[in-house]
Protein backbone atom coordinates (compact mmCIF):
# COMPACT_ATOMS: atom_id res chain seq x y z
CA UNK A 1 0.00 0.00 0.00
CA UNK A 2 1.05 3.60 -0.52
CA UNK A 3 2.78 5.26 2.41
CA UNK A 4 3.85 8.89 2.65
CA UNK A 5 6.08 10.02 5.50
CA UNK A 6 6.91 13.67 6.08
CA UNK A 7 9.84 15.04 8.03
CA UNK A 8 11.75 18.24 8.62
CA UNK A 9 9.18 20.39 10.37
CA UNK A 10 10.04 22.49 13.37
CA UNK A 11 10.17 25.92 14.95
CA UNK A 12 11.71 28.80 13.00
CA UNK A 13 11.76 32.57 13.38
CA UNK A 14 9.94 34.81 10.96
CA UNK A 15 12.10 35.46 7.92
CA UNK A 16 13.84 32.13 8.26
CA UNK A 17 13.87 29.04 6.07
CA UNK A 18 12.94 25.41 6.41
CA UNK A 19 12.86 22.42 4.07
CA UNK A 20 10.40 19.64 4.61
CA UNK A 21 10.48 16.26 2.89
CA UNK A 22 8.08 13.48 2.06
CA UNK A 23 9.23 9.95 1.26
CA UNK A 24 6.81 7.75 -0.64
CA UNK A 25 6.64 3.99 -0.90
CA UNK A 26 4.31 1.35 -2.21
CA UNK A 27 4.26 2.08 -5.93
CA UNK A 28 6.26 3.72 -8.72
CA UNK A 29 6.80 7.22 -7.38
CA UNK A 30 7.87 8.73 -10.69
CA UNK A 31 4.43 8.12 -12.21
CA UNK A 32 2.45 10.33 -9.83
CA UNK A 33 1.78 14.01 -9.34
CA UNK A 34 2.46 15.15 -5.79
CA UNK A 35 1.10 18.01 -3.73
CA UNK A 36 1.67 19.81 -0.45
CA UNK A 37 -1.23 21.06 1.66
CA UNK A 38 -1.38 22.73 5.05
CA UNK A 39 -3.88 23.15 7.83
CA UNK A 40 -3.68 25.74 10.57
CA UNK A 41 -5.65 25.44 13.83
CA UNK A 42 -9.29 26.34 13.30
CA UNK A 43 -8.87 26.64 9.54
CA UNK A 44 -9.61 24.44 6.58
CA UNK A 45 -6.89 22.55 4.79
CA UNK A 46 -5.45 24.59 1.94
CA UNK A 47 -3.39 23.91 -1.15
CA UNK A 48 0.25 25.00 -1.03
CA UNK A 49 2.05 23.56 -4.06
CA UNK A 50 2.02 20.74 -6.59
CA UNK A 51 4.48 19.13 -8.99
CA UNK A 52 3.93 16.80 -11.93
CA UNK A 53 5.33 13.26 -12.08
CA UNK A 54 8.38 14.34 -14.07
CA UNK A 55 8.94 17.52 -12.11
CA UNK A 56 8.53 19.50 -15.30
CA UNK A 57 5.66 21.64 -14.06
CA UNK A 58 4.81 23.20 -10.73
CA UNK A 59 1.94 25.19 -9.26
CA UNK A 60 1.76 27.38 -6.16
CA UNK A 61 -0.84 29.08 -4.05
CA UNK A 62 -0.63 32.84 -4.36
CA UNK A 63 0.18 33.13 -0.66
CA UNK A 64 3.48 31.23 -1.05
CA UNK A 65 4.50 32.04 -4.63
CA UNK A 66 8.01 33.44 -4.75
CA UNK A 67 8.81 32.15 -1.25
CA UNK A 68 8.26 28.38 -1.47
CA UNK A 69 9.71 25.90 -3.97
CA UNK A 70 8.45 22.38 -4.56
CA UNK A 71 10.81 19.82 -6.07
CA UNK A 72 11.21 16.08 -6.31
CA UNK A 73 13.90 13.45 -6.60
CA UNK A 74 12.38 10.43 -8.27
CA UNK A 75 15.47 8.34 -7.61
CA UNK A 76 14.87 8.87 -3.88
CA UNK A 77 11.07 8.68 -4.00
CA UNK A 78 11.03 12.05 -2.28
CA UNK A 79 9.24 15.35 -2.73
CA UNK A 80 10.49 18.50 -1.01
CA UNK A 81 9.11 21.86 -0.03
CA UNK A 82 11.71 24.57 0.46
CA UNK A 83 10.16 27.39 2.45
CA UNK A 84 11.90 30.77 2.59
CA UNK A 85 10.98 34.12 4.12
CA UNK A 86 8.62 32.33 6.46
CA UNK A 87 5.83 34.28 8.12
CA UNK A 88 3.82 33.54 11.27
CA UNK A 89 0.79 32.90 9.06
CA UNK A 90 2.66 29.97 7.51
CA UNK A 91 2.30 28.11 10.82
CA UNK A 92 0.41 24.88 10.14
CA UNK A 93 0.62 21.13 9.81
CA UNK A 94 2.02 20.44 6.36
CA UNK A 95 0.99 17.22 4.60
CA UNK A 96 2.10 15.72 1.33
CA UNK A 97 -0.38 13.99 -0.94
CA UNK A 98 -0.29 11.80 -4.02
CA UNK A 99 -2.82 11.60 -6.81
CA UNK A 100 -4.39 8.23 -7.40
CA UNK A 101 -4.01 8.05 -11.17
CA UNK A 102 -0.70 7.90 -13.00
CA UNK A 103 0.48 10.78 -15.21
CA UNK A 104 -2.35 13.10 -14.16
CA UNK A 105 -2.38 16.86 -14.14
CA UNK A 106 -1.74 18.93 -11.04
CA UNK A 107 -4.70 19.75 -8.83
CA UNK A 108 -5.45 22.28 -6.13
CA UNK A 109 -8.32 20.43 -4.48
CA UNK A 110 -7.63 17.97 -1.68
CA UNK A 111 -10.31 15.70 -3.13
CA UNK A 112 -8.07 15.09 -6.16
CA UNK A 113 -5.48 13.35 -3.98
CA UNK A 114 -6.10 9.89 -2.60
CA UNK A 115 -3.03 9.26 -0.46
CA UNK A 116 -1.85 11.40 2.44
CA UNK A 117 0.97 11.54 4.92
CA UNK A 118 0.50 12.13 8.62
CA UNK A 119 1.82 15.68 8.44
CA UNK A 120 4.68 17.63 9.97
CA UNK A 121 4.28 20.70 12.15
CA UNK A 122 5.82 23.97 11.03
CA UNK A 123 5.72 26.81 13.54
CA UNK A 124 6.92 30.30 12.68
CA UNK A 125 7.49 32.65 15.58
CA UNK A 126 7.25 36.42 15.23
């Protein structure tokens, strides 16, 4: 079965940087579009970024564009989210997700992703 395991979260000061990772297992990683989502306390889960199976295309929420970078290493079955110029409003649990179908387009809706990790906490202090 598909498993996604995130790591790299933590506490960082505003203006700082953090890179979180997600290792996938269970099927051919390089066939599947991946996404990052986040959920802050009392708020709905929101789209952060997505990357196609080859890594050739990416998509970002307006709130993180220019500050966050999504990338993947298919040889390591890993997707990354590099987060720079972090703000207190970036504080949330960040989860990676994988689309169910192979070679599909990127999506911004959580319902388009069938597999989820447990999440990693990112806290940005002011």
